[in-house]
């Protein structure tokens, strides 16, 4: 009867093969670059949203102040 390797042994062997594989390295690098670009775009959009929200709140406050002084 043959013994099957444990899950940890199979995962370890897979990780070693993956670490030494060179065939898909450029795809992984492109994936990291794309992930970084998406992260930077997300941060920029969030910051732009904060600035825009403050601008509209300031405009609203000015309109309310101007209409109450009338």
PDB file of N, CA and C in Angstrom:
ATOM      1  N   UNK A   1       0.831  -1.159   0.000  1.00  0.00           N
ATOM      2  CA  UNK A   1       0.000   0.000   0.000  1.00  0.00           C
ATOM      3  C   UNK A   1       0.895   1.250   0.000  1.00  0.00           C
ATOM      4  N   UNK A   2       0.590   2.215  -0.890  1.00  0.00           N
ATOM      5  CA  UNK A   2       1.392   3.434  -0.954  1.00  0.00           C
ATOM      6  C   UNK A   2       0.785   4.485  -0.045  1.00  0.00           C
ATOM      7  N   UNK A   3       1.653   5.251   0.511  1.00  0.00           N
ATOM      8  CA  UNK A   3       1.223   6.303   1.426  1.00  0.00           C
ATOM      9  C   UNK A   3       1.176   7.628   0.696  1.00  0.00           C
ATOM     10  N   UNK A   4       0.081   8.365   0.847  1.00  0.00           N
ATOM     11  CA  UNK A   4      -0.031   9.690   0.222  1.00  0.00           C
ATOM     12  C   UNK A   4       0.644  10.724   1.106  1.00  0.00           C
ATOM     13  N   UNK A   5       1.319  11.687   0.495  1.00  0.00           N
ATOM     14  CA  UNK A   5       1.942  12.741   1.305  1.00  0.00           C
ATOM     15  C   UNK A   5       0.866  13.601   1.968  1.00  0.00           C
ATOM     16  N   UNK A   6       1.212  14.153   3.094  1.00  0.00           N
ATOM     17  CA  UNK A   6       0.258  14.998   3.810  1.00  0.00           C
ATOM     18  C   UNK A   6       0.028  16.304   3.054  1.00  0.00           C
ATOM     19  N   UNK A   7      -1.005  16.984   3.435  1.00  0.00           N
ATOM     20  CA  UNK A   7      -1.340  18.255   2.790  1.00  0.00           C
ATOM     21  C   UNK A   7      -0.221  19.270   2.969  1.00  0.00           C
ATOM     22  N   UNK A   8       0.360  19.323   4.134  1.00  0.00           N
ATOM     23  CA  UNK A   8       1.457  20.266   4.390  1.00  0.00           C
ATOM     24  C   UNK A   8       2.650  19.955   3.491  1.00  0.00           C
ATOM     25  N   UNK A   9       2.956  18.665   3.307  1.00  0.00           N
ATOM     26  CA  UNK A   9       4.068  18.291   2.431  1.00  0.00           C
ATOM     27  C   UNK A   9       3.775  18.668   0.983  1.00  0.00           C
ATOM     28  N   UNK A  10       2.526  18.438   0.557  1.00  0.00           N
ATOM     29  CA  UNK A  10       2.177  18.803  -0.818  1.00  0.00           C
ATOM     30  C   UNK A  10       2.228  20.307  -1.021  1.00  0.00           C
ATOM     31  N   UNK A  11       1.743  21.086  -0.029  1.00  0.00           N
ATOM     32  CA  UNK A  11       1.808  22.544  -0.145  1.00  0.00           C
ATOM     33  C   UNK A  11       3.246  23.034  -0.148  1.00  0.00           C
ATOM     34  N   UNK A  12       4.081  22.427   0.671  1.00  0.00           N
ATOM     35  CA  UNK A  12       5.491  22.803   0.701  1.00  0.00           C
ATOM     36  C   UNK A  12       6.174  22.524  -0.622  1.00  0.00           C
ATOM     37  N   UNK A  13       5.879  21.343  -1.206  1.00  0.00           N
ATOM     38  CA  UNK A  13       6.470  21.008  -2.505  1.00  0.00           C
ATOM     39  C   UNK A  13       5.982  21.967  -3.577  1.00  0.00           C
ATOM     40  N   UNK A  14       4.697  22.319  -3.525  1.00  0.00           N
ATOM     41  CA  UNK A  14       4.149  23.273  -4.500  1.00  0.00           C
ATOM     42  C   UNK A  14       4.814  24.632  -4.344  1.00  0.00           C
ATOM     43  N   UNK A  15       5.002  25.084  -3.110  1.00  0.00           N
ATOM     44  CA  UNK A  15       5.629  26.376  -2.863  1.00  0.00           C
ATOM     45  C   UNK A  15       7.075  26.385  -3.366  1.00  0.00           C
ATOM     46  N   UNK A  16       7.793  25.283  -3.170  1.00  0.00           N
ATOM     47  CA  UNK A  16       9.177  25.219  -3.666  1.00  0.00           C
ATOM     48  C   UNK A  16       9.206  25.266  -5.195  1.00  0.00           C
ATOM     49  N   UNK A  17       8.305  24.518  -5.847  1.00  0.00           N
ATOM     50  CA  UNK A  17       8.253  24.551  -7.319  1.00  0.00           C
ATOM     51  C   UNK A  17       7.882  25.938  -7.814  1.00  0.00           C
ATOM     52  N   UNK A  18       6.941  26.585  -7.116  1.00  0.00           N
ATOM     53  CA  UNK A  18       6.510  27.923  -7.515  1.00  0.00           C
ATOM     54  C   UNK A  18       7.634  28.942  -7.340  1.00  0.00           C
ATOM     55  N   UNK A  19       8.416  28.800  -6.276  1.00  0.00           N
ATOM     56  CA  UNK A  19       9.508  29.736  -6.019  1.00  0.00           C
ATOM     57  C   UNK A  19      10.610  29.612  -7.066  1.00  0.00           C
ATOM     58  N   UNK A  20      10.805  28.417  -7.599  1.00  0.00           N
ATOM     59  CA  UNK A  20      11.865  28.211  -8.582  1.00  0.00           C
ATOM     60  C   UNK A  20      11.384  28.362 -10.021  1.00  0.00           C
ATOM     61  N   UNK A  21      10.107  28.510 -10.230  1.00  0.00           N
ATOM     62  CA  UNK A  21       9.575  28.630 -11.593  1.00  0.00           C
ATOM     63  C   UNK A  21       9.902  30.010 -12.147  1.00  0.00           C
ATOM     64  N   UNK A  22      10.315  30.060 -13.374  1.00  0.00           N
ATOM     65  CA  UNK A  22      10.644  31.329 -14.027  1.00  0.00           C
ATOM     66  C   UNK A  22       9.690  31.644 -15.179  1.00  0.00           C
ATOM     67  N   UNK A  23       8.878  30.690 -15.555  1.00  0.00           N
ATOM     68  CA  UNK A  23       8.035  30.852 -16.731  1.00  0.00           C
ATOM     69  C   UNK A  23       6.996  31.960 -16.563  1.00  0.00           C
ATOM     70  N   UNK A  24       6.373  32.071 -15.409  1.00  0.00           N
ATOM     71  CA  UNK A  24       5.316  33.058 -15.219  1.00  0.00           C
ATOM     72  C   UNK A  24       5.746  34.289 -14.469  1.00  0.00           C
ATOM     73  N   UNK A  25       7.043  34.493 -14.327  1.00  0.00           N
ATOM     74  CA  UNK A  25       7.505  35.608 -13.500  1.00  0.00           C
ATOM     75  C   UNK A  25       7.114  36.954 -14.081  1.00  0.00           C
ATOM     76  N   UNK A  26       7.144  37.122 -15.383  1.00  0.00           N
ATOM     77  CA  UNK A  26       6.780  38.421 -15.938  1.00  0.00           C
ATOM     78  C   UNK A  26       5.290  38.680 -15.754  1.00  0.00           C
ATOM     79  N   UNK A  27       4.465  37.644 -15.807  1.00  0.00           N
ATOM     80  CA  UNK A  27       3.038  37.828 -15.564  1.00  0.00           C
ATOM     81  C   UNK A  27       2.799  38.280 -14.128  1.00  0.00           C
ATOM     82  N   UNK A  28       3.521  37.702 -13.206  1.00  0.00           N
ATOM     83  CA  UNK A  28       3.388  38.097 -11.801  1.00  0.00           C
ATOM     84  C   UNK A  28       3.842  39.537 -11.623  1.00  0.00           C
ATOM     85  N   UNK A  29       4.924  39.904 -12.260  1.00  0.00           N
ATOM     86  CA  UNK A  29       5.412  41.281 -12.161  1.00  0.00           C
ATOM     87  C   UNK A  29       4.394  42.260 -12.736  1.00  0.00           C
ATOM     88  N   UNK A  30       3.813  41.924 -13.884  1.00  0.00           N
ATOM     89  CA  UNK A  30       2.786  42.776 -14.455  1.00  0.00           C
ATOM     90  C   UNK A  30       1.575  42.858 -13.526  1.00  0.00           C
ATOM     91  N   UNK A  31       1.247  41.769 -12.876  1.00  0.00           N
ATOM     92  CA  UNK A  31       0.142  41.783 -11.918  1.00  0.00           C
ATOM     93  C   UNK A  31       0.414  42.713 -10.753  1.00  0.00           C
ATOM     94  N   UNK A  32       1.646  42.686 -10.230  1.00  0.00           N
ATOM     95  CA  UNK A  32       2.005  43.588  -9.137  1.00  0.00           C
ATOM     96  C   UNK A  32       1.972  45.046  -9.587  1.00  0.00           C
ATOM     97  N   UNK A  33       2.453  45.309 -10.781  1.00  0.00           N
ATOM     98  CA  UNK A  33       2.421  46.681 -11.306  1.00  0.00           C
ATOM     99  C   UNK A  33       0.986  47.160 -11.445  1.00  0.00           C
ATOM    100  N   UNK A  34       0.124  46.306 -11.998  1.00  0.00           N
ATOM    101  CA  UNK A  34      -1.283  46.662 -12.164  1.00  0.00           C
ATOM    102  C   UNK A  34      -1.948  46.881 -10.805  1.00  0.00           C
ATOM    103  N   UNK A  35      -1.660  46.030  -9.833  1.00  0.00           N
ATOM    104  CA  UNK A  35      -2.234  46.192  -8.496  1.00  0.00           C
ATOM    105  C   UNK A  35      -1.782  47.510  -7.875  1.00  0.00           C
ATOM    106  N   UNK A  36      -0.513  47.885  -8.079  1.00  0.00           N
ATOM    107  CA  UNK A  36      -0.007  49.144  -7.538  1.00  0.00           C
ATOM    108  C   UNK A  36      -0.702  50.331  -8.201  1.00  0.00           C
ATOM    109  N   UNK A  37      -0.895  50.268  -9.513  1.00  0.00           N
ATOM    110  CA  UNK A  37      -1.573  51.354 -10.231  1.00  0.00           C
ATOM    111  C   UNK A  37      -3.009  51.496  -9.738  1.00  0.00           C
ATOM    112  N   UNK A  38      -3.699  50.379  -9.557  1.00  0.00           N
ATOM    113  CA  UNK A  38      -5.079  50.423  -9.063  1.00  0.00           C
ATOM    114  C   UNK A  38      -5.113  51.005  -7.659  1.00  0.00           C
ATOM    115  N   UNK A  39      -4.180  50.634  -6.812  1.00  0.00           N
ATOM    116  CA  UNK A  39      -4.127  51.166  -5.447  1.00  0.00           C
ATOM    117  C   UNK A  39      -3.894  52.674  -5.447  1.00  0.00           C
ATOM    118  N   UNK A  40      -2.974  53.138  -6.274  1.00  0.00           N
ATOM    119  CA  UNK A  40      -2.695  54.579  -6.353  1.00  0.00           C
ATOM    120  C   UNK A  40      -3.915  55.322  -6.887  1.00  0.00           C
ATOM    121  N   UNK A  41      -4.584  54.769  -7.895  1.00  0.00           N
ATOM    122  CA  UNK A  41      -5.785  55.406  -8.439  1.00  0.00           C
ATOM    123  C   UNK A  41      -6.883  55.479  -7.378  1.00  0.00           C
ATOM    124  N   UNK A  42      -7.041  54.409  -6.611  1.00  0.00           N
ATOM    125  CA  UNK A  42      -8.053  54.400  -5.562  1.00  0.00           C
ATOM    126  C   UNK A  42      -7.776  55.469  -4.516  1.00  0.00           C
ATOM    127  N   UNK A  43      -6.544  55.580  -4.083  1.00  0.00           N
ATOM    128  CA  UNK A  43      -6.177  56.596  -3.085  1.00  0.00           C
ATOM    129  C   UNK A  43      -6.416  57.996  -3.646  1.00  0.00           C
ATOM    130  N   UNK A  44      -6.065  58.218  -4.911  1.00  0.00           N
ATOM    131  CA  UNK A  44      -6.272  59.536  -5.525  1.00  0.00           C
ATOM    132  C   UNK A  44      -7.758  59.875  -5.606  1.00  0.00           C
ATOM    133  N   UNK A  45      -8.590  58.907  -5.943  1.00  0.00           N
ATOM    134  CA  UNK A  45     -10.027  59.152  -6.043  1.00  0.00           C
ATOM    135  C   UNK A  45     -10.617  59.465  -4.678  1.00  0.00           C
ATOM    136  N   UNK A  46     -10.180  58.750  -3.649  1.00  0.00           N
ATOM    137  CA  UNK A  46     -10.682  59.012  -2.295  1.00  0.00           C
ATOM    138  C   UNK A  46     -10.284  60.415  -1.845  1.00  0.00           C
ATOM    139  N   UNK A  47      -9.055  60.805  -2.107  1.00  0.00           N
ATOM    140  CA  UNK A  47      -8.621  62.143  -1.711  1.00  0.00           C
ATOM    141  C   UNK A  47      -9.362  63.217  -2.499  1.00  0.00           C
ATOM    142  N   UNK A  48      -9.593  62.990  -3.774  1.00  0.00           N
ATOM    143  CA  UNK A  48     -10.347  63.940  -4.581  1.00  0.00           C
ATOM    144  C   UNK A  48     -11.780  64.063  -4.059  1.00  0.00           C
ATOM    145  N   UNK A  49     -12.361  62.962  -3.647  1.00  0.00           N
ATOM    146  CA  UNK A  49     -13.718  62.992  -3.096  1.00  0.00           C
ATOM    147  C   UNK A  49     -13.760  63.830  -1.819  1.00  0.00           C
ATOM    148  N   UNK A  50     -12.755  63.704  -0.974  1.00  0.00           N
ATOM    149  CA  UNK A  50     -12.712  64.497   0.262  1.00  0.00           C
ATOM    150  C   UNK A  50     -12.614  65.989  -0.043  1.00  0.00           C
ATOM    151  N   UNK A  51     -11.773  66.342  -0.999  1.00  0.00           N
ATOM    152  CA  UNK A  51     -11.613  67.754  -1.363  1.00  0.00           C
ATOM    153  C   UNK A  51     -12.916  68.292  -1.952  1.00  0.00           C
ATOM    154  N   UNK A  52     -13.547  67.511  -2.806  1.00  0.00           N
ATOM    155  CA  UNK A  52     -14.795  67.950  -3.433  1.00  0.00           C
ATOM    156  C   UNK A  52     -15.900  68.101  -2.394  1.00  0.00           C
ATOM    157  N   UNK A  53     -15.971  67.182  -1.451  1.00  0.00           N
ATOM    158  CA  UNK A  53     -16.995  67.265  -0.405  1.00  0.00           C
ATOM    159  C   UNK A  53     -16.798  68.517   0.448  1.00  0.00           C
ATOM    160  N   UNK A  54     -15.552  68.803   0.797  1.00  0.00           N
ATOM    161  CA  UNK A  54     -15.283  70.028   1.570  1.00  0.00           C
ATOM    162  C   UNK A  54     -15.663  71.276   0.784  1.00  0.00           C
ATOM    163  N   UNK A  55     -15.378  71.274  -0.535  1.00  0.00           N
ATOM    164  CA  UNK A  55     -15.711  72.428  -1.367  1.00  0.00           C
ATOM    165  C   UNK A  55     -17.219  72.665  -1.377  1.00  0.00           C
ATOM    166  N   UNK A  56     -18.009  71.612  -1.580  1.00  0.00           N
ATOM    167  CA  UNK A  56     -19.460  71.767  -1.625  1.00  0.00           C
ATOM    168  C   UNK A  56     -20.028  72.135  -0.260  1.00  0.00           C
ATOM    169  N   UNK A  57     -19.459  71.612   0.810  1.00  0.00           N
ATOM    170  CA  UNK A  57     -19.914  72.008   2.143  1.00  0.00           C
ATOM    171  C   UNK A  57     -19.614  73.474   2.409  1.00  0.00           C
ATOM    172  N   UNK A  58     -18.463  73.955   1.968  1.00  0.00           N
ATOM    173  CA  UNK A  58     -18.112  75.368   2.124  1.00  0.00           C
ATOM    174  C   UNK A  58     -19.075  76.243   1.326  1.00  0.00           C
ATOM    175  N   UNK A  59     -19.369  75.823   0.092  1.00  0.00           N
ATOM    176  CA  UNK A  59     -20.326  76.589  -0.719  1.00  0.00           C
ATOM    177  C   UNK A  59     -21.697  76.615  -0.062  1.00  0.00           C
ATOM    178  N   UNK A  60     -22.119  75.484   0.481  1.00  0.00           N
ATOM    179  CA  UNK A  60     -23.415  75.425   1.154  1.00  0.00           C
ATOM    180  C   UNK A  60     -23.448  76.363   2.359  1.00  0.00           C
ATOM    181  N   UNK A  61     -22.378  76.355   3.142  1.00  0.00           N
ATOM    182  CA  UNK A  61     -22.306  77.242   4.303  1.00  0.00           C
ATOM    183  C   UNK A  61     -22.360  78.705   3.885  1.00  0.00           C
ATOM    184  N   UNK A  62     -21.687  79.049   2.801  1.00  0.00           N
ATOM    185  CA  UNK A  62     -21.708  80.442   2.323  1.00  0.00           C
ATOM    186  C   UNK A  62     -23.079  80.866   1.833  1.00  0.00           C
ATOM    187  N   UNK A  63     -23.776  79.943   1.141  1.00  0.00           N
ATOM    188  CA  UNK A  63     -25.129  80.258   0.659  1.00  0.00           C
ATOM    189  C   UNK A  63     -26.069  80.453   1.839  1.00  0.00           C
ATOM    190  N   UNK A  64     -25.961  79.584   2.834  1.00  0.00           N
ATOM    191  CA  UNK A  64     -26.823  79.729   4.018  1.00  0.00           C
ATOM    192  C   UNK A  64     -26.527  81.034   4.740  1.00  0.00           C
ATOM    193  N   UNK A  65     -25.245  81.363   4.879  1.00  0.00           N
ATOM    194  CA  UNK A  65     -24.876  82.610   5.555  1.00  0.00           C
ATOM    195  C   UNK A  65     -25.364  83.815   4.773  1.00  0.00           C
ATOM    196  N   UNK A  66     -25.268  83.769   3.449  1.00  0.00           N
ATOM    197  CA  UNK A  66     -25.703  84.908   2.629  1.00  0.00           C
ATOM    198  C   UNK A  66     -27.220  85.049   2.665  1.00  0.00           C
ATOM    199  N   UNK A  67     -27.933  83.943   2.680  1.00  0.00           N
ATOM    200  CA  UNK A  67     -29.402  84.050   2.683  1.00  0.00           C
ATOM    201  C   UNK A  67     -29.948  84.471   4.042  1.00  0.00           C
ATOM    202  N   UNK A  68     -29.247  84.208   5.100  1.00  0.00           N
ATOM    203  CA  UNK A  68     -29.721  84.612   6.417  1.00  0.00           C
ATOM    204  C   UNK A  68     -29.401  86.089   6.695  1.00  0.00           C
ATOM    205  N   UNK A  69     -28.430  86.663   5.986  1.00  0.00           N
ATOM    206  CA  UNK A  69     -28.072  88.077   6.175  1.00  0.00           C
ATOM    207  C   UNK A  69     -28.978  88.986   5.355  1.00  0.00           C
ATOM    208  N   UNK A  70     -29.720  88.408   4.388  1.00  0.00           N
ATOM    209  CA  UNK A  70     -30.511  89.169   3.434  1.00  0.00           C
ATOM    210  C   UNK A  70     -31.572  89.960   4.031  1.00  0.00           C
TER     211      UNK A  70
END
